[in-house]
């Protein structure tokens, strides 16, 4: 799944009730998060719901683990709220498999605005989304530092 394909799918849906259902469906596509990764260290602060995000350095689609843009990061995550699981899936579409420098260069607000998320999420969900993004960006900064 890519952000471009998400935008295309969102354009096919007439109203936000349908888009919310679609976001929930996206959450169902996440791989199950192992219990070993449901720790205080992976818990995202600033979310109303419980959210866990774990990152690891791995090979990109070209088989390279690191290049001039830093290491490639992959993510796993989950939430106890269906809509938030869908937001996690959207975030992974934006960041998973990218290098640390690519992650830091992405302007998530532009993407979230294009999807209409900024206008249709509650302030609490928007704050949680920002906390998830900041956690991923912090992981990218840490990966560059090592």
Protein backbone atom coordinates (compact mmCIF):
# COMPACT_ATOMS: atom_id res chain seq x y z
CA UNK A 1 0.00 0.00 0.00
CA UNK A 2 1.27 3.45 -0.90
CA UNK A 3 0.09 6.93 -0.05
CA UNK A 4 -0.81 7.43 -3.73
CA UNK A 5 -3.04 4.35 -3.69
CA UNK A 6 -4.64 5.52 -0.43
CA UNK A 7 -5.39 8.93 -1.96
CA UNK A 8 -6.90 7.22 -4.99
CA UNK A 9 -9.04 4.97 -2.77
CA UNK A 10 -10.17 7.94 -0.65
CA UNK A 11 -11.26 9.81 -3.79
CA UNK A 12 -13.55 6.90 -4.69
CA UNK A 13 -15.37 7.10 -1.36
CA UNK A 14 -18.18 9.62 -1.28
CA UNK A 15 -18.40 10.57 2.37
CA UNK A 16 -16.43 10.43 5.57
CA UNK A 17 -18.49 7.64 7.07
CA UNK A 18 -17.26 5.41 4.22
CA UNK A 19 -13.71 6.70 4.67
CA UNK A 20 -13.80 5.91 8.40
CA UNK A 21 -14.90 2.36 7.58
CA UNK A 22 -12.06 2.14 5.07
CA UNK A 23 -9.53 3.34 7.67
CA UNK A 24 -10.80 0.66 10.06
CA UNK A 25 -10.37 -1.94 7.28
CA UNK A 26 -6.79 -0.74 6.77
CA UNK A 27 -6.13 -1.44 10.44
CA UNK A 28 -7.21 -5.02 9.95
CA UNK A 29 -4.39 -5.45 7.41
CA UNK A 30 -1.69 -4.89 10.05
CA UNK A 31 0.32 -7.93 11.00
CA UNK A 32 -0.32 -9.00 14.59
CA UNK A 33 2.06 -7.33 17.01
CA UNK A 34 3.93 -9.91 19.11
CA UNK A 35 3.22 -9.61 22.83
CA UNK A 36 6.96 -9.17 23.41
CA UNK A 37 6.69 -5.79 21.64
CA UNK A 38 3.82 -4.54 23.79
CA UNK A 39 6.07 -2.86 26.30
CA UNK A 40 6.40 0.53 27.94
CA UNK A 41 9.36 1.20 25.63
CA UNK A 42 7.22 0.76 22.51
CA UNK A 43 4.13 2.50 23.88
CA UNK A 44 3.44 5.86 22.28
CA UNK A 45 2.84 8.68 24.73
CA UNK A 46 0.29 11.34 23.88
CA UNK A 47 -2.35 9.01 22.46
CA UNK A 48 -5.74 8.63 24.08
CA UNK A 49 -5.83 5.00 22.96
CA UNK A 50 -3.08 2.55 23.69
CA UNK A 51 -0.62 2.49 20.77
CA UNK A 52 2.59 0.55 20.38
CA UNK A 53 5.17 1.23 17.66
CA UNK A 54 8.39 -0.72 17.20
CA UNK A 55 11.04 -0.01 14.63
CA UNK A 56 13.92 -2.04 13.30
CA UNK A 57 16.64 -1.54 10.75
CA UNK A 58 16.33 -3.87 7.78
CA UNK A 59 16.89 -4.15 4.08
CA UNK A 60 14.97 -1.99 1.65
CA UNK A 61 13.26 -3.28 -1.48
CA UNK A 62 16.66 -3.20 -3.21
CA UNK A 63 18.19 -5.46 -0.55
CA UNK A 64 20.37 -2.67 0.86
CA UNK A 65 20.23 -2.04 4.62
CA UNK A 66 21.85 1.39 4.56
CA UNK A 67 22.95 3.91 1.99
CA UNK A 68 23.87 7.59 1.87
CA UNK A 69 20.44 8.39 3.31
CA UNK A 70 21.00 6.23 6.36
CA UNK A 71 19.55 2.90 7.39
CA UNK A 72 16.20 1.60 6.15
CA UNK A 73 13.56 1.36 8.85
CA UNK A 74 10.64 -1.03 9.15
CA UNK A 75 7.79 -0.71 11.61
CA UNK A 76 5.33 -2.85 13.51
CA UNK A 77 2.49 -1.53 15.58
CA UNK A 78 -0.95 -1.93 17.03
CA UNK A 79 -3.63 -0.10 18.97
CA UNK A 80 -6.57 -1.06 21.12
CA UNK A 81 -8.84 1.22 19.03
CA UNK A 82 -9.97 0.16 15.54
CA UNK A 83 -9.74 3.61 13.96
CA UNK A 84 -6.28 4.17 15.45
CA UNK A 85 -5.08 0.82 14.05
CA UNK A 86 -6.11 2.20 10.66
CA UNK A 87 -4.15 5.40 11.29
CA UNK A 88 -1.15 3.25 12.19
CA UNK A 89 -1.53 1.49 8.82
CA UNK A 90 -1.60 4.87 7.05
CA UNK A 91 1.54 5.96 8.89
CA UNK A 92 3.26 2.73 7.87
CA UNK A 93 2.29 3.36 4.23
CA UNK A 94 4.01 6.72 4.57
CA UNK A 95 7.19 5.63 6.39
CA UNK A 96 7.83 1.87 6.27
CA UNK A 97 10.79 0.80 4.13
CA UNK A 98 12.20 4.32 3.87
CA UNK A 99 15.64 5.43 4.93
CA UNK A 100 16.08 7.51 8.06
CA UNK A 101 16.79 10.68 6.05
CA UNK A 102 13.79 10.05 3.79
CA UNK A 103 11.60 9.69 6.89
CA UNK A 104 12.87 12.97 8.29
CA UNK A 105 12.27 14.74 4.95
CA UNK A 106 8.61 13.71 4.67
CA UNK A 107 6.11 16.44 5.52
CA UNK A 108 3.30 14.38 7.07
CA UNK A 109 0.94 17.34 7.44
CA UNK A 110 0.79 17.68 3.65
CA UNK A 111 -0.14 14.01 3.27
CA UNK A 112 -2.68 14.06 6.10
CA UNK A 113 -4.28 17.20 4.65
CA UNK A 114 -4.47 15.62 1.19
CA UNK A 115 -6.27 12.63 2.73
CA UNK A 116 -8.58 14.96 4.65
CA UNK A 117 -7.52 13.59 8.02
CA UNK A 118 -6.81 16.99 9.56
CA UNK A 119 -10.40 18.11 8.99
CA UNK A 120 -12.11 14.90 10.08
CA UNK A 121 -10.22 13.64 13.12
CA UNK A 122 -11.00 14.76 16.64
CA UNK A 123 -8.35 16.91 18.35
CA UNK A 124 -7.41 13.91 20.53
CA UNK A 125 -6.91 11.65 17.47
CA UNK A 126 -4.94 14.40 15.70
CA UNK A 127 -2.67 14.75 18.75
CA UNK A 128 -2.22 10.98 18.85
CA UNK A 129 -1.37 10.94 15.15
CA UNK A 130 1.23 13.66 15.73
CA UNK A 131 2.68 11.63 18.64
CA UNK A 132 3.00 8.55 16.40
CA UNK A 133 4.75 10.58 13.71
CA UNK A 134 7.12 12.11 16.24
CA UNK A 135 7.95 8.65 17.60
CA UNK A 136 8.85 7.43 14.09
CA UNK A 137 10.92 10.55 13.45
CA UNK A 138 12.73 10.03 16.78
CA UNK A 139 13.50 6.43 15.77
CA UNK A 140 14.86 7.72 12.45
CA UNK A 141 17.08 10.27 14.23
CA UNK A 142 18.34 7.52 16.58
CA UNK A 143 19.09 5.22 13.64
CA UNK A 144 21.16 7.97 12.00
CA UNK A 145 23.08 8.52 15.22
CA UNK A 146 24.25 4.90 15.43
